[in-house]
């Protein structure tokens, strides 16, 4: 990870300090409802401020884009993309599936990613051309290529109506060896770690996807949008093993 070692070190430090802050806030915390009907808490906002402060202190020329409003223009051509608590509903309920997400975008490419699932004890890192790691051990997607031997992860069933494949989804799911749906970051990291084989996310923002994309890709996986592109800004994604790419394209890319 030598090419991105400083960026990863700072991002991990920011992530770890934000986790500590989030855990201090968690007991008895109340939520507000945002315009998109998603919850937000004081912990989301304070963790984003903390992460942004650390990143800006280390890289003052870089831009920042955060889910809770952080928006610093870049003077370097680089931009940090932050979700301070991904899975706020899980965080509120005391479920272990929430995370914080930090990615670094250079041009149209995400080059650094940190995905911290603290309650599960898993910290995922990736740097472009440097591999993907979970708790400092290399990870790789599985070699599965057959649907009937593969695990499918699907997130946001409530948003299925907005997809081009809504009428085919149940029949397609029935072909898989197993189906899971833990939420965006846990599902994506299962694919990156070889514990699942394909993940479909029908509705997500750049801060939901930035570090997930590079971790999956550096673990040997494929990241696609429903339009056939590979952008974190397209609002949806498919992440899968190379062996399932043709099946994913056939089913979801329109």
Foldseek 3Di string as FASTA:
>chain_A
DVVCVVVVVLQVVLFVVLVVQLVVCQPPWDWDADPVRDTDTPSQVVSVVSSVVSVCVVPVQEFEAEPVDGTGDHNPQKYKYWRSWAPVVCSNVVHQLIWIKIWMDHHQATAWIWTGSVSVPWIWIFGVVPAIDIPNHGAAAAPDQAQQAFEEEEEDPVCLVVAPQSVPPVVSQVSHVYYHYRHQPVVLVCRLRHNGFKYWYQFDALNSPRRSLRSLVRNQKDKADLQGHRGSHPGIIMIGHPSHPVVCCVRRRD
